[in-house]
Each structure stands twice: as C-alpha cells, then as structure tokens.
C-alpha cells in the first residue's frame, strides 16, 4: 500500500522525457543558478563516471579537470534546476562506474569515442 502511494507522489516530480546519456559520455549540464534575484544558466562540462538510484532519486556524477585538479559533482536527473543535458561525445566503456579515472592523469583520462550509426 505505502509503495503505491510513494510511486504516485514520485510521478509528479519526474520529467516527462528525461535526457538519454550513459556512463562514459561527455556531457554539458546546463544548471539554473540563482544570484540574488537574478537567474542565469551555468554549464558544467565533464565525463559521466557513475549513475545510481531510480525514479525521482536517480543521480549521476560528472567529473572534469579544472586548473589541474579533478572536480566531481553529483546531479539529480529529474531536478528542476537542470535546464538540459547535452551529450557532446560518447565513450566506449566496459564498466558501470568509472572511478578508475580518478587516478589517471593527462592523456590517460581520455576514453575511446563510440561511433554511432
């Protein structure tokens, strides 16, 4: 009974057509940022290293290099703060979690590009 109620509550917060991307893809996450009473869009570009959860609790982690330091950020897929997610390129991966990229430096961080037909 309570599970059915939870599903009904979650349906209201889900996006109609969630963005399609996979682990290993390089994505641009367009975030709405509030500064005072103004709202602007900030882009966070990086490689998706993990996806977890399901339904309204689904999250994904994006990693990028800023000034020689690795920066990771987790986003909820169905967040109203995320305006859109653009897939820039797709990488060939054989793992569900790409945490091994944390130890890699330079060109070793790059993933082979997946050719889509």
Protein backbone atom coordinates (compact mmCIF):
# COMPACT_ATOMS: atom_id res chain seq x y z
CA UNK A 1 0.00 0.00 0.00
CA UNK A 2 2.67 2.53 1.01
CA UNK A 3 4.77 1.62 -2.04
CA UNK A 4 1.88 2.53 -4.35
CA UNK A 5 1.45 5.87 -2.57
CA UNK A 6 5.18 6.60 -2.90
CA UNK A 7 5.04 5.90 -6.65
CA UNK A 8 2.12 8.32 -7.07
CA UNK A 9 3.98 11.04 -5.18
CA UNK A 10 7.17 10.47 -7.19
CA UNK A 11 5.36 10.66 -10.55
CA UNK A 12 4.65 14.35 -10.01
CA UNK A 13 8.36 15.18 -9.72
CA UNK A 14 9.59 13.12 -12.69
CA UNK A 15 10.43 14.78 -16.01
CA UNK A 16 8.27 13.67 -18.96
CA UNK A 17 11.23 12.87 -21.21
CA UNK A 18 14.44 12.53 -19.20
CA UNK A 19 17.70 13.06 -21.14
CA UNK A 20 19.35 9.98 -22.60
CA UNK A 21 23.02 9.57 -21.73
CA UNK A 22 25.24 6.77 -20.47
CA UNK A 23 28.31 6.32 -18.30
CA UNK A 24 31.37 7.36 -20.32
CA UNK A 25 29.60 10.15 -22.21
CA UNK A 26 30.97 13.69 -22.16
CA UNK A 27 28.05 15.95 -21.30
CA UNK A 28 27.20 19.62 -20.84
CA UNK A 29 24.91 20.06 -17.83
CA UNK A 30 23.05 23.39 -18.03
CA UNK A 31 22.23 24.47 -14.45
CA UNK A 32 19.99 27.32 -13.36
CA UNK A 33 21.85 29.39 -10.74
CA UNK A 34 20.19 31.99 -8.52
CA UNK A 35 22.28 35.10 -7.80
CA UNK A 36 20.29 37.49 -5.66
CA UNK A 37 17.04 37.91 -7.54
CA UNK A 38 18.53 37.09 -10.96
CA UNK A 39 18.66 33.64 -12.52
CA UNK A 40 21.32 32.56 -15.00
CA UNK A 41 22.45 29.34 -16.64
CA UNK A 42 25.85 27.86 -15.84
CA UNK A 43 27.33 24.99 -17.86
CA UNK A 44 29.25 22.14 -16.19
CA UNK A 45 31.10 20.03 -18.77
CA UNK A 46 32.65 16.66 -17.96
CA UNK A 47 32.56 12.87 -18.22
CA UNK A 48 29.73 10.92 -16.60
CA UNK A 49 31.52 8.49 -14.26
CA UNK A 50 28.52 6.99 -12.45
CA UNK A 51 24.73 6.66 -12.36
CA UNK A 52 22.81 5.47 -9.35
CA UNK A 53 19.30 5.24 -7.97
CA UNK A 54 15.97 5.03 -9.74
CA UNK A 55 12.84 7.07 -10.14
CA UNK A 56 12.97 10.56 -8.67
CA UNK A 57 16.11 9.63 -6.69
CA UNK A 58 18.23 8.88 -9.77
CA UNK A 59 21.62 10.65 -9.66
CA UNK A 60 24.64 10.92 -11.93
CA UNK A 61 28.21 12.02 -11.22
CA UNK A 62 30.21 14.19 -13.64
CA UNK A 63 33.99 14.62 -13.44
CA UNK A 64 36.12 17.30 -15.06
CA UNK A 65 39.59 18.79 -14.66
CA UNK A 66 39.80 22.44 -13.56
CA UNK A 67 43.25 24.07 -13.23
CA UNK A 68 44.92 20.66 -12.91
CA UNK A 69 42.54 19.47 -10.16
CA UNK A 70 39.80 16.90 -10.62
CA UNK A 71 36.33 18.16 -9.74
CA UNK A 72 33.34 15.83 -9.35
CA UNK A 73 29.74 16.88 -8.94
CA UNK A 74 26.57 14.82 -8.48
CA UNK A 75 23.29 15.89 -10.04
CA UNK A 76 19.74 14.54 -9.74
CA UNK A 77 18.46 13.54 -13.20
CA UNK A 78 14.94 14.87 -12.56
CA UNK A 79 15.95 18.13 -10.87
CA UNK A 80 14.04 21.26 -11.94
CA UNK A 81 17.35 23.18 -11.62
CA UNK A 82 18.78 21.26 -14.59
CA UNK A 83 17.65 23.01 -17.76
CA UNK A 84 19.11 20.46 -20.17
CA UNK A 85 21.82 17.86 -20.61
CA UNK A 86 23.66 17.78 -23.93
CA UNK A 87 25.75 14.78 -24.95
CA UNK A 88 28.94 16.06 -26.63
CA UNK A 89 30.60 12.71 -27.29
CA UNK A 90 30.13 9.09 -26.27
CA UNK A 91 32.93 6.99 -24.86
CA UNK A 92 33.47 3.24 -25.12
CA UNK A 93 33.41 1.81 -21.60
CA UNK A 94 33.10 -1.67 -20.11
CA UNK A 95 32.24 -0.66 -16.55
CA UNK A 96 29.21 0.81 -14.79
CA UNK A 97 31.36 3.04 -12.56
CA UNK A 98 34.45 4.81 -13.91
CA UNK A 99 36.11 5.58 -10.58
CA UNK A 100 39.47 4.39 -12.00
CA UNK A 101 39.65 7.71 -13.91
CA UNK A 102 40.42 9.45 -10.59
CA UNK A 103 43.95 8.03 -10.53
CA UNK A 104 44.69 8.79 -14.18
CA UNK A 105 46.47 11.93 -15.38
CA UNK A 106 46.76 13.65 -18.76
CA UNK A 107 46.00 11.71 -21.92
CA UNK A 108 45.29 8.54 -19.94
CA UNK A 109 41.98 10.09 -18.81
CA UNK A 110 40.61 10.12 -22.37
CA UNK A 111 38.15 7.44 -23.46
CA UNK A 112 37.80 5.97 -26.96
CA UNK A 113 34.92 7.51 -28.84
CA UNK A 114 31.90 5.36 -29.62
CA UNK A 115 30.83 5.58 -33.25
CA UNK A 116 27.06 5.87 -33.61
CA UNK A 117 25.37 4.86 -36.84
